[in-house]
Amino acid sequence: MARVPLVRHPSSRVTGVLTSKEVDDATKIVIQTVQESQFHSEIQLLKKKHHFPNSSKLLPLGIFLDTDGIIKVGGRLKNSSLSPIQKHPILIPKSHHLTNLVIQYFHHINLHSGPQLTLCCIRQKFWIPSGRGVVGRLLSKCQICFRFKAKSGEQLMGNLPANRFSAGRAFLNVGIDFGGPFIPKPNVL
């Protein structure tokens, strides 16, 4: 596994606009670092090709290491026409700052979408164990969504007049204009 050095000599500093390769390399390094800190024992078992204990919560996910040393989720989509990242999303821990940043990013680029749409967009690239609860918990703290979901005040209805619910002749208290406007005649004495 070839890694980009984390610290460069000051004389080899590159300035200017980031390239997509630099962004991809940085993303891989961040994900590898987070996975090594959170899933250290699982990575060791995967490298040694040992089986996971039955009590492991990651056992049903069918995780594996890709060529870059990143843990990815297996599944039944191997023969589908989806892109490789959609077939095997990257596993990120449910309680880490990186996970919160990923959720917030997808929530904002989807214009403060709800938990289901946000989770659907996240799962096209990343897999979060217990993702529905994590996303819902984080989005419930979004101030913008809280303001948009505010309920407007409802007024209490006033009492109805007695002639609205008492029995009486039809059109006793109301009139209907069937043939044009009613033109009242002034009373001339």
N, C-alpha and C. Protein backbone atom coordinates (compact mmCIF):
# COMPACT_ATOMS: atom_id res chain seq x y z
N MET A 1 0.85 -1.17 0.00
CA MET A 1 0.00 0.00 0.00
C MET A 1 0.89 1.23 0.00
N ALA A 2 0.83 2.00 -1.06
CA ALA A 2 1.63 3.21 -1.18
C ALA A 2 0.88 4.37 -0.53
N ARG A 3 1.58 5.05 0.35
CA ARG A 3 0.97 6.19 1.04
C ARG A 3 1.66 7.48 0.65
N VAL A 4 0.91 8.53 0.61
CA VAL A 4 1.46 9.86 0.40
C VAL A 4 2.01 10.33 1.73
N PRO A 5 3.22 10.88 1.76
CA PRO A 5 3.76 11.32 3.06
C PRO A 5 2.90 12.43 3.65
N LEU A 6 2.71 12.34 4.97
CA LEU A 6 1.87 13.31 5.65
C LEU A 6 2.57 14.66 5.81
N VAL A 7 3.89 14.65 6.01
CA VAL A 7 4.64 15.88 6.22
C VAL A 7 5.64 16.01 5.08
N ARG A 8 5.62 17.13 4.43
CA ARG A 8 6.55 17.37 3.34
C ARG A 8 7.60 18.39 3.77
N HIS A 9 8.70 18.35 3.10
CA HIS A 9 9.75 19.32 3.37
C HIS A 9 9.28 20.69 2.88
N PRO A 10 9.57 21.76 3.63
CA PRO A 10 9.08 23.09 3.23
C PRO A 10 9.51 23.51 1.83
N SER A 11 10.63 23.02 1.36
CA SER A 11 11.08 23.43 0.02
C SER A 11 10.27 22.75 -1.08
N SER A 12 9.57 21.64 -0.76
CA SER A 12 8.78 20.94 -1.77
C SER A 12 7.31 21.34 -1.72
N ARG A 13 7.03 22.46 -1.11
CA ARG A 13 5.66 22.93 -0.97
C ARG A 13 5.08 23.31 -2.33
N VAL A 14 3.85 22.86 -2.57
CA VAL A 14 3.17 23.16 -3.81
C VAL A 14 2.06 24.16 -3.51
N THR A 15 1.96 25.19 -4.33
CA THR A 15 0.92 26.18 -4.14
C THR A 15 -0.01 26.17 -5.34
N GLY A 16 -1.17 26.72 -5.15
CA GLY A 16 -2.12 26.80 -6.24
C GLY A 16 -3.39 26.05 -5.92
N VAL A 17 -4.16 25.79 -6.95
CA VAL A 17 -5.45 25.13 -6.81
C VAL A 17 -5.25 23.63 -6.61
N LEU A 18 -6.07 23.04 -5.73
CA LEU A 18 -5.99 21.60 -5.51
C LEU A 18 -6.48 20.85 -6.74
N THR A 19 -5.82 19.77 -7.05
CA THR A 19 -6.27 18.91 -8.14
C THR A 19 -7.19 17.83 -7.57
N SER A 20 -7.93 17.18 -8.44
CA SER A 20 -8.84 16.12 -7.96
C SER A 20 -8.05 14.95 -7.40
N LYS A 21 -6.86 14.68 -7.93
CA LYS A 21 -6.03 13.59 -7.41
C LYS A 21 -5.59 13.90 -5.98
N GLU A 22 -5.23 15.16 -5.72
CA GLU A 22 -4.83 15.54 -4.37
C GLU A 22 -5.99 15.41 -3.39
N VAL A 23 -7.17 15.79 -3.82
CA VAL A 23 -8.35 15.67 -2.95
C VAL A 23 -8.65 14.20 -2.69
N ASP A 24 -8.58 13.36 -3.72
CA ASP A 24 -8.82 11.92 -3.55
C ASP A 24 -7.79 11.29 -2.63
N ASP A 25 -6.51 11.66 -2.80
CA ASP A 25 -5.46 11.13 -1.93
C ASP A 25 -5.68 11.55 -0.48
N ALA A 26 -6.04 12.80 -0.27
CA ALA A 26 -6.29 13.28 1.09
C ALA A 26 -7.49 12.57 1.71
N THR A 27 -8.54 12.35 0.90
CA THR A 27 -9.73 11.64 1.40
C THR A 27 -9.37 10.23 1.80
N LYS A 28 -8.57 9.54 0.99
CA LYS A 28 -8.16 8.17 1.32
C LYS A 28 -7.36 8.13 2.62
N ILE A 29 -6.45 9.09 2.79
CA ILE A 29 -5.63 9.11 4.00
C ILE A 29 -6.50 9.36 5.24
N VAL A 30 -7.44 10.29 5.13
CA VAL A 30 -8.33 10.58 6.27
C VAL A 30 -9.16 9.35 6.62
N ILE A 31 -9.72 8.70 5.61
CA ILE A 31 -10.56 7.52 5.86
C ILE A 31 -9.72 6.38 6.44
N GLN A 32 -8.52 6.17 5.90
CA GLN A 32 -7.64 5.13 6.45
C GLN A 32 -7.29 5.40 7.91
N THR A 33 -7.00 6.65 8.22
CA THR A 33 -6.64 7.02 9.60
C THR A 33 -7.81 6.79 10.55
N VAL A 34 -9.00 7.20 10.13
CA VAL A 34 -10.19 7.02 10.98
C VAL A 34 -10.49 5.53 11.15
N GLN A 35 -10.42 4.76 10.07
CA GLN A 35 -10.71 3.33 10.17
C GLN A 35 -9.67 2.61 11.03
N GLU A 36 -8.40 3.00 10.93
CA GLU A 36 -7.37 2.36 11.76
C GLU A 36 -7.59 2.67 13.24
N SER A 37 -8.08 3.86 13.55
CA SER A 37 -8.30 4.19 14.96
C SER A 37 -9.57 3.54 15.51
N GLN A 38 -10.60 3.37 14.67
CA GLN A 38 -11.88 2.85 15.16
C GLN A 38 -12.05 1.35 14.95
N PHE A 39 -11.46 0.80 13.89
CA PHE A 39 -11.65 -0.62 13.56
C PHE A 39 -10.30 -1.35 13.51
N HIS A 40 -9.43 -1.08 14.48
CA HIS A 40 -8.09 -1.65 14.46
C HIS A 40 -8.11 -3.18 14.52
N SER A 41 -8.89 -3.74 15.42
CA SER A 41 -8.91 -5.21 15.56
C SER A 41 -9.52 -5.87 14.32
N GLU A 42 -10.53 -5.24 13.71
CA GLU A 42 -11.13 -5.79 12.50
C GLU A 42 -10.16 -5.77 11.33
N ILE A 43 -9.36 -4.70 11.24
CA ILE A 43 -8.37 -4.61 10.16
C ILE A 43 -7.33 -5.71 10.32
N GLN A 44 -6.90 -5.96 11.57
CA GLN A 44 -5.91 -7.01 11.79
C GLN A 44 -6.47 -8.38 11.41
N LEU A 45 -7.75 -8.63 11.75
CA LEU A 45 -8.37 -9.90 11.38
C LEU A 45 -8.50 -10.04 9.86
N LEU A 46 -8.83 -8.95 9.19
CA LEU A 46 -8.96 -9.00 7.73
C LEU A 46 -7.61 -9.22 7.05
N LYS A 47 -6.56 -8.60 7.58
CA LYS A 47 -5.22 -8.78 7.00
C LYS A 47 -4.72 -10.21 7.18
N LYS A 48 -5.05 -10.82 8.31
CA LYS A 48 -4.62 -12.19 8.58
C LYS A 48 -5.58 -13.23 8.03
N LYS A 49 -6.66 -12.74 7.40
CA LYS A 49 -7.70 -13.60 6.80
C LYS A 49 -8.34 -14.54 7.83
N HIS A 50 -8.51 -14.03 9.06
CA HIS A 50 -9.21 -14.78 10.11
C HIS A 50 -10.69 -14.48 10.05
N HIS A 51 -11.48 -15.34 10.68
CA HIS A 51 -12.93 -15.14 10.74
C HIS A 51 -13.27 -14.21 11.89
N PHE A 52 -14.35 -13.48 11.72
CA PHE A 52 -14.83 -12.59 12.78
C PHE A 52 -15.57 -13.40 13.83
N PRO A 53 -15.52 -12.97 15.10
CA PRO A 53 -16.33 -13.64 16.12
C PRO A 53 -17.82 -13.44 15.83
N ASN A 54 -18.63 -14.38 16.27
CA ASN A 54 -20.07 -14.29 16.02
C ASN A 54 -20.72 -13.09 16.69
N SER A 55 -20.08 -12.54 17.71
CA SER A 55 -20.65 -11.39 18.42
C SER A 55 -20.35 -10.07 17.72
N SER A 56 -19.57 -10.08 16.65
CA SER A 56 -19.20 -8.85 15.95
C SER A 56 -20.41 -8.26 15.23
N LYS A 57 -20.60 -6.96 15.38
CA LYS A 57 -21.71 -6.29 14.70
C LYS A 57 -21.41 -6.08 13.22
N LEU A 58 -20.15 -6.21 12.83
CA LEU A 58 -19.78 -6.02 11.44
C LEU A 58 -19.83 -7.32 10.63
N LEU A 59 -20.08 -8.43 11.28
CA LEU A 59 -20.12 -9.72 10.59
C LEU A 59 -21.18 -9.77 9.50
N PRO A 60 -22.42 -9.30 9.73
CA PRO A 60 -23.42 -9.38 8.66
C PRO A 60 -23.13 -8.47 7.46
N LEU A 61 -22.21 -7.51 7.61
CA LEU A 61 -21.94 -6.57 6.53
C LEU A 61 -21.01 -7.15 5.46
N GLY A 62 -20.33 -8.24 5.77
CA GLY A 62 -19.42 -8.84 4.79
C GLY A 62 -18.29 -7.92 4.40
N ILE A 63 -17.64 -7.32 5.40
CA ILE A 63 -16.60 -6.33 5.12
C ILE A 63 -15.34 -6.98 4.55
N PHE A 64 -14.59 -6.19 3.79
CA PHE A 64 -13.32 -6.64 3.22
C PHE A 64 -12.42 -5.43 3.03
N LEU A 65 -11.12 -5.68 2.85
CA LEU A 65 -10.16 -4.62 2.59
C LEU A 65 -9.95 -4.49 1.09
N ASP A 66 -10.00 -3.26 0.59
CA ASP A 66 -9.71 -3.08 -0.84
C ASP A 66 -8.21 -2.92 -1.04
N THR A 67 -7.80 -2.61 -2.26
CA THR A 67 -6.37 -2.53 -2.57
C THR A 67 -5.68 -1.37 -1.85
N ASP A 68 -6.43 -0.34 -1.45
CA ASP A 68 -5.85 0.80 -0.73
C ASP A 68 -5.84 0.59 0.77
N GLY A 69 -6.34 -0.53 1.25
CA GLY A 69 -6.40 -0.79 2.68
C GLY A 69 -7.58 -0.15 3.36
N ILE A 70 -8.62 0.16 2.62
CA ILE A 70 -9.83 0.77 3.16
C ILE A 70 -10.89 -0.31 3.32
N ILE A 71 -11.56 -0.32 4.47
CA ILE A 71 -12.61 -1.30 4.72
C ILE A 71 -13.84 -0.92 3.92
N LYS A 72 -14.34 -1.86 3.15
CA LYS A 72 -15.56 -1.65 2.38
C LYS A 72 -16.58 -2.71 2.74
N VAL A 73 -17.84 -2.39 2.49
CA VAL A 73 -18.95 -3.28 2.82
C VAL A 73 -19.23 -4.15 1.61
N GLY A 74 -19.37 -5.46 1.85
CA GLY A 74 -19.74 -6.38 0.77
C GLY A 74 -21.22 -6.30 0.53
N GLY A 75 -21.74 -7.28 -0.13
CA GLY A 75 -23.18 -7.27 -0.39
C GLY A 75 -23.51 -8.19 -1.53
N ARG A 76 -24.73 -8.06 -2.01
CA ARG A 76 -25.20 -8.94 -3.07
C ARG A 76 -25.23 -8.23 -4.42
N LEU A 77 -24.60 -7.08 -4.54
CA LEU A 77 -24.67 -6.28 -5.76
C LEU A 77 -23.45 -6.47 -6.66
N LYS A 78 -22.69 -7.52 -6.44
CA LYS A 78 -21.45 -7.74 -7.18
C LYS A 78 -21.67 -7.76 -8.70
N ASN A 79 -22.76 -8.34 -9.17
CA ASN A 79 -23.01 -8.49 -10.60
C ASN A 79 -23.86 -7.37 -11.18
N SER A 80 -24.13 -6.32 -10.41
CA SER A 80 -24.97 -5.22 -10.91
C SER A 80 -24.13 -4.28 -11.77
N SER A 81 -24.81 -3.38 -12.46
CA SER A 81 -24.13 -2.42 -13.33
C SER A 81 -23.81 -1.11 -12.60
N LEU A 82 -23.93 -1.10 -11.28
CA LEU A 82 -23.61 0.10 -10.50
C LEU A 82 -22.11 0.34 -10.50
N SER A 83 -21.72 1.55 -10.12
CA SER A 83 -20.30 1.85 -10.01
C SER A 83 -19.71 1.08 -8.82
N PRO A 84 -18.41 0.83 -8.82
CA PRO A 84 -17.80 0.05 -7.73
C PRO A 84 -18.03 0.65 -6.34
N ILE A 85 -18.04 1.98 -6.23
CA ILE A 85 -18.24 2.61 -4.92
C ILE A 85 -19.68 2.42 -4.45
N GLN A 86 -20.64 2.33 -5.39
CA GLN A 86 -22.02 2.08 -4.99
C GLN A 86 -22.24 0.62 -4.63
N LYS A 87 -21.52 -0.28 -5.27
CA LYS A 87 -21.64 -1.71 -4.93
C LYS A 87 -21.05 -1.98 -3.56
N HIS A 88 -19.92 -1.35 -3.28
CA HIS A 88 -19.20 -1.60 -2.03
C HIS A 88 -18.85 -0.28 -1.37
N PRO A 89 -19.78 0.30 -0.59
CA PRO A 89 -19.50 1.60 0.05
C PRO A 89 -18.44 1.47 1.15
N ILE A 90 -17.83 2.59 1.46
CA ILE A 90 -16.77 2.66 2.46
C ILE A 90 -17.41 2.67 3.85
N LEU A 91 -16.87 1.86 4.75
CA LEU A 91 -17.38 1.78 6.12
C LEU A 91 -16.78 2.90 6.95
N ILE A 92 -17.64 3.71 7.58
CA ILE A 92 -17.17 4.73 8.51
C ILE A 92 -17.88 4.52 9.84
N PRO A 93 -17.21 4.82 10.95
CA PRO A 93 -17.81 4.55 12.27
C PRO A 93 -19.00 5.45 12.55
N LYS A 94 -19.91 4.96 13.39
CA LYS A 94 -21.13 5.74 13.65
C LYS A 94 -20.91 6.89 14.61
N SER A 95 -19.90 6.81 15.45
CA SER A 95 -19.67 7.90 16.40
C SER A 95 -18.26 8.45 16.21
N HIS A 96 -18.11 9.28 15.21
CA HIS A 96 -16.83 9.92 14.93
C HIS A 96 -17.12 11.28 14.29
N HIS A 97 -16.20 12.19 14.44
CA HIS A 97 -16.38 13.53 13.89
C HIS A 97 -16.46 13.50 12.36
N LEU A 98 -15.70 12.61 11.72
CA LEU A 98 -15.77 12.48 10.27
C LEU A 98 -17.17 12.10 9.82
N THR A 99 -17.81 11.21 10.55
CA THR A 99 -19.18 10.80 10.21
C THR A 99 -20.13 11.98 10.29
N ASN A 100 -19.99 12.77 11.35
CA ASN A 100 -20.84 13.97 11.49
C ASN A 100 -20.62 14.93 10.34
N LEU A 101 -19.37 15.10 9.91
CA LEU A 101 -19.07 15.99 8.79
C LEU A 101 -19.67 15.46 7.49
N VAL A 102 -19.60 14.16 7.27
CA VAL A 102 -20.18 13.56 6.06
C VAL A 102 -21.69 13.76 6.05
N ILE A 103 -22.34 13.53 7.19
CA ILE A 103 -23.79 13.70 7.26
C ILE A 103 -24.17 15.16 7.01
N GLN A 104 -23.47 16.09 7.63
CA GLN A 104 -23.76 17.50 7.44
C GLN A 104 -23.53 17.92 5.99
N TYR A 105 -22.48 17.39 5.36
CA TYR A 105 -22.20 17.74 3.97
C TYR A 105 -23.34 17.30 3.07
N PHE A 106 -23.76 16.05 3.19
CA PHE A 106 -24.84 15.56 2.33
C PHE A 106 -26.17 16.23 2.65
N HIS A 107 -26.37 16.60 3.90
CA HIS A 107 -27.60 17.30 4.29
C HIS A 107 -27.64 18.69 3.64
N HIS A 108 -26.51 19.38 3.62
CA HIS A 108 -26.47 20.73 3.05
C HIS A 108 -26.53 20.71 1.53
N ILE A 109 -25.82 19.79 0.87
CA ILE A 109 -25.84 19.82 -0.60
C ILE A 109 -27.19 19.35 -1.13
N ASN A 110 -27.99 18.67 -0.33
CA ASN A 110 -29.33 18.28 -0.73
C ASN A 110 -30.38 19.24 -0.18
N LEU A 111 -29.94 20.46 0.15
CA LEU A 111 -30.83 21.55 0.57
C LEU A 111 -31.68 21.18 1.78
N HIS A 112 -31.02 20.69 2.80
CA HIS A 112 -31.65 20.35 4.08
C HIS A 112 -32.76 19.32 3.89
N SER A 113 -32.41 18.27 3.18
CA SER A 113 -33.37 17.18 2.98
C SER A 113 -33.60 16.45 4.30
N GLY A 114 -34.60 15.63 4.33
CA GLY A 114 -34.93 14.88 5.53
C GLY A 114 -33.95 13.74 5.76
N PRO A 115 -34.15 13.01 6.85
CA PRO A 115 -33.22 11.93 7.20
C PRO A 115 -33.15 10.81 6.16
N GLN A 116 -34.26 10.46 5.56
CA GLN A 116 -34.25 9.34 4.61
C GLN A 116 -33.48 9.69 3.34
N LEU A 117 -33.73 10.85 2.77
CA LEU A 117 -33.01 11.24 1.56
C LEU A 117 -31.53 11.46 1.84
N THR A 118 -31.21 12.06 2.96
CA THR A 118 -29.82 12.27 3.33
C THR A 118 -29.10 10.94 3.47
N LEU A 119 -29.73 9.98 4.15
CA LEU A 119 -29.11 8.66 4.33
C LEU A 119 -28.97 7.94 3.00
N CYS A 120 -29.94 8.09 2.12
CA CYS A 120 -29.87 7.46 0.80
C CYS A 120 -28.68 8.00 0.01
N CYS A 121 -28.47 9.29 0.06
CA CYS A 121 -27.34 9.90 -0.65
C CYS A 121 -26.00 9.49 -0.04
N ILE A 122 -25.97 9.39 1.28
CA ILE A 122 -24.74 8.97 1.96
C ILE A 122 -24.39 7.54 1.58
N ARG A 123 -25.40 6.67 1.51
CA ARG A 123 -25.15 5.25 1.24
C ARG A 123 -24.69 4.97 -0.18
N GLN A 124 -24.71 5.95 -1.04
CA GLN A 124 -24.14 5.75 -2.37
C GLN A 124 -22.63 5.74 -2.33
N LYS A 125 -22.04 6.22 -1.24
CA LYS A 125 -20.58 6.24 -1.12
C LYS A 125 -20.08 5.67 0.21
N PHE A 126 -20.84 5.89 1.29
CA PHE A 126 -20.39 5.47 2.62
C PHE A 126 -21.46 4.59 3.27
N TRP A 127 -21.01 3.75 4.20
CA TRP A 127 -21.94 2.94 5.00
C TRP A 127 -21.67 3.25 6.46
N ILE A 128 -22.73 3.68 7.15
CA ILE A 128 -22.64 3.98 8.58
C ILE A 128 -23.44 2.92 9.31
N PRO A 129 -22.82 2.14 10.23
CA PRO A 129 -23.61 1.20 11.03
C PRO A 129 -24.65 1.96 11.85
N SER A 130 -25.87 1.45 11.92
CA SER A 130 -26.99 2.12 12.60
C SER A 130 -27.18 3.53 12.03
N GLY A 131 -27.08 3.65 10.72
CA GLY A 131 -27.09 4.94 10.05
C GLY A 131 -28.37 5.72 10.23
N ARG A 132 -29.50 5.04 10.25
CA ARG A 132 -30.78 5.75 10.36
C ARG A 132 -30.86 6.54 11.66
N GLY A 133 -30.45 5.93 12.75
CA GLY A 133 -30.49 6.61 14.04
C GLY A 133 -29.48 7.74 14.13
N VAL A 134 -28.28 7.51 13.58
CA VAL A 134 -27.22 8.53 13.64
C VAL A 134 -27.63 9.76 12.83
N VAL A 135 -28.13 9.52 11.62
CA VAL A 135 -28.54 10.64 10.76
C VAL A 135 -29.72 11.38 11.38
N GLY A 136 -30.71 10.66 11.86
CA GLY A 136 -31.87 11.30 12.48
C GLY A 136 -31.50 12.13 13.68
N ARG A 137 -30.59 11.61 14.51
CA ARG A 137 -30.16 12.33 15.71
C ARG A 137 -29.41 13.61 15.34
N LEU A 138 -28.56 13.54 14.32
CA LEU A 138 -27.80 14.72 13.95
C LEU A 138 -28.68 15.76 13.26
N LEU A 139 -29.61 15.31 12.40
CA LEU A 139 -30.46 16.27 11.70
C LEU A 139 -31.49 16.91 12.62
N SER A 140 -31.79 16.27 13.74
CA SER A 140 -32.73 16.89 14.68
C SER A 140 -32.12 18.12 15.34
N LYS A 141 -30.79 18.28 15.24
CA LYS A 141 -30.12 19.44 15.82
C LYS A 141 -29.90 20.57 14.81
N CYS A 142 -30.34 20.37 13.57
CA CYS A 142 -30.15 21.39 12.53
C CYS A 142 -31.09 22.56 12.79
N GLN A 143 -30.51 23.75 12.98
CA GLN A 143 -31.31 24.94 13.32
C GLN A 143 -32.17 25.39 12.14
N ILE A 144 -31.66 25.29 10.94
CA ILE A 144 -32.42 25.73 9.77
C ILE A 144 -33.65 24.85 9.59
N CYS A 145 -33.47 23.54 9.70
CA CYS A 145 -34.61 22.62 9.57
C CYS A 145 -35.62 22.85 10.69
N PHE A 146 -35.12 23.15 11.89
CA PHE A 146 -36.00 23.40 13.02
C PHE A 146 -36.89 24.61 12.75
N ARG A 147 -36.29 25.65 12.16
CA ARG A 147 -37.08 26.84 11.86
C ARG A 147 -38.11 26.59 10.77
N PHE A 148 -37.75 25.80 9.76
CA PHE A 148 -38.69 25.53 8.68
C PHE A 148 -39.82 24.60 9.10
N LYS A 149 -39.59 23.78 10.12
CA LYS A 149 -40.63 22.85 10.57
C LYS A 149 -41.51 23.45 11.65
N ALA A 150 -41.34 24.72 11.95
CA ALA A 150 -42.12 25.35 13.01
C ALA A 150 -43.60 25.34 12.64
N LYS A 151 -44.43 25.02 13.62
CA LYS A 151 -45.87 24.99 13.39
C LYS A 151 -46.43 26.39 13.59
N SER A 152 -47.29 26.79 12.70
CA SER A 152 -47.91 28.11 12.84
C SER A 152 -49.00 28.03 13.91
N GLY A 153 -49.25 29.16 14.52
CA GLY A 153 -50.27 29.20 15.57
C GLY A 153 -51.66 29.00 14.99
N GLU A 154 -52.50 28.31 15.71
CA GLU A 154 -53.87 28.08 15.26
C GLU A 154 -54.82 28.84 16.16
N GLN A 155 -55.78 29.51 15.55
CA GLN A 155 -56.75 30.28 16.31
C GLN A 155 -57.90 29.38 16.72
N LEU A 156 -58.43 29.65 17.88
CA LEU A 156 -59.63 28.93 18.31
C LEU A 156 -60.82 29.50 17.56
N MET A 157 -61.69 28.62 17.12
CA MET A 157 -62.88 29.05 16.39
C MET A 157 -63.89 29.64 17.37
N GLY A 158 -64.58 30.69 16.93
CA GLY A 158 -65.60 31.31 17.76
C GLY A 158 -66.88 30.48 17.78
N ASN A 159 -67.77 30.81 18.69
CA ASN A 159 -69.06 30.09 18.77
C ASN A 159 -69.92 30.42 17.57
N LEU A 160 -70.71 29.43 17.14
CA LEU A 160 -71.62 29.62 16.02
C LEU A 160 -72.87 30.35 16.49
N PRO A 161 -73.47 31.18 15.63
CA PRO A 161 -74.74 31.82 16.00
C PRO A 161 -75.85 30.78 16.07
N ALA A 162 -76.89 31.07 16.82
CA ALA A 162 -77.97 30.10 17.06
C ALA A 162 -78.68 29.70 15.78
N ASN A 163 -78.85 30.62 14.81
CA ASN A 163 -79.59 30.26 13.61
C ASN A 163 -78.80 29.31 12.69
N ARG A 164 -77.50 29.06 12.95
CA ARG A 164 -76.73 28.15 12.12
C ARG A 164 -77.05 26.69 12.43
N PHE A 165 -77.49 26.40 13.64
CA PHE A 165 -77.74 24.99 13.97
C PHE A 165 -79.18 24.74 14.44
N SER A 166 -80.07 25.73 14.38
CA SER A 166 -81.47 25.51 14.75
C SER A 166 -82.26 25.13 13.49
N ALA A 167 -83.33 24.35 13.70
CA ALA A 167 -84.16 23.90 12.58
C ALA A 167 -84.98 25.07 12.07
N GLY A 168 -85.12 25.16 10.76
CA GLY A 168 -85.91 26.24 10.18
C GLY A 168 -86.07 26.00 8.69
N ARG A 169 -86.83 26.90 8.06
CA ARG A 169 -87.08 26.81 6.65
C ARG A 169 -85.78 27.04 5.87
N ALA A 170 -85.67 26.38 4.67
CA ALA A 170 -84.48 26.55 3.84
C ALA A 170 -84.37 27.98 3.38
N PHE A 171 -83.20 28.51 3.31
CA PHE A 171 -82.88 29.85 2.87
C PHE A 171 -83.58 30.93 3.70
N LEU A 172 -83.86 30.62 4.97
CA LEU A 172 -84.48 31.61 5.84
C LEU A 172 -83.48 32.71 6.20
N ASN A 173 -82.25 32.32 6.40
CA ASN A 173 -81.24 33.28 6.83
C ASN A 173 -80.18 33.57 5.77
N VAL A 174 -80.21 32.88 4.64
CA VAL A 174 -79.24 33.12 3.58
C VAL A 174 -79.96 33.26 2.26
N GLY A 175 -79.34 33.87 1.30
CA GLY A 175 -79.92 34.01 -0.03
C GLY A 175 -78.95 33.49 -1.06
N ILE A 176 -79.44 32.99 -2.17
CA ILE A 176 -78.59 32.50 -3.24
C ILE A 176 -78.95 33.28 -4.49
N ASP A 177 -77.97 33.71 -5.21
CA ASP A 177 -78.14 34.51 -6.41
C ASP A 177 -78.21 33.58 -7.61
N PHE A 178 -79.44 33.17 -8.03
CA PHE A 178 -79.61 32.30 -9.18
C PHE A 178 -79.72 33.08 -10.49
N GLY A 179 -80.27 34.27 -10.46
CA GLY A 179 -80.57 34.98 -11.70
C GLY A 179 -79.96 36.35 -11.77
N GLY A 180 -78.90 36.60 -11.12
CA GLY A 180 -78.27 37.92 -11.16
C GLY A 180 -78.33 38.54 -9.79
N PRO A 181 -77.78 39.73 -9.69
CA PRO A 181 -77.74 40.36 -8.38
C PRO A 181 -79.12 40.83 -7.92
N PHE A 182 -79.31 40.83 -6.62
CA PHE A 182 -80.52 41.39 -6.04
C PHE A 182 -80.36 42.91 -6.01
N ILE A 183 -81.32 43.61 -6.60
CA ILE A 183 -81.27 45.06 -6.56
C ILE A 183 -82.41 45.51 -5.63
N PRO A 184 -82.09 45.96 -4.47
CA PRO A 184 -83.13 46.38 -3.54
C PRO A 184 -83.71 47.72 -3.96
N LYS A 185 -85.03 47.87 -3.80
CA LYS A 185 -85.70 49.15 -4.08
C LYS A 185 -85.70 49.99 -2.84
N PRO A 186 -85.43 51.23 -3.01
CA PRO A 186 -85.52 52.08 -1.83
C PRO A 186 -86.99 52.28 -1.45
N ASN A 187 -87.27 52.30 -0.18
CA ASN A 187 -88.63 52.53 0.30
C ASN A 187 -88.99 54.01 0.14
N VAL A 188 -89.94 54.24 -0.74
CA VAL A 188 -90.37 55.63 -0.93
C VAL A 188 -91.76 55.74 -0.35
N LEU A 189 -92.00 56.62 0.47
CA LEU A 189 -93.33 56.81 1.07
C LEU A 189 -94.09 57.86 0.44
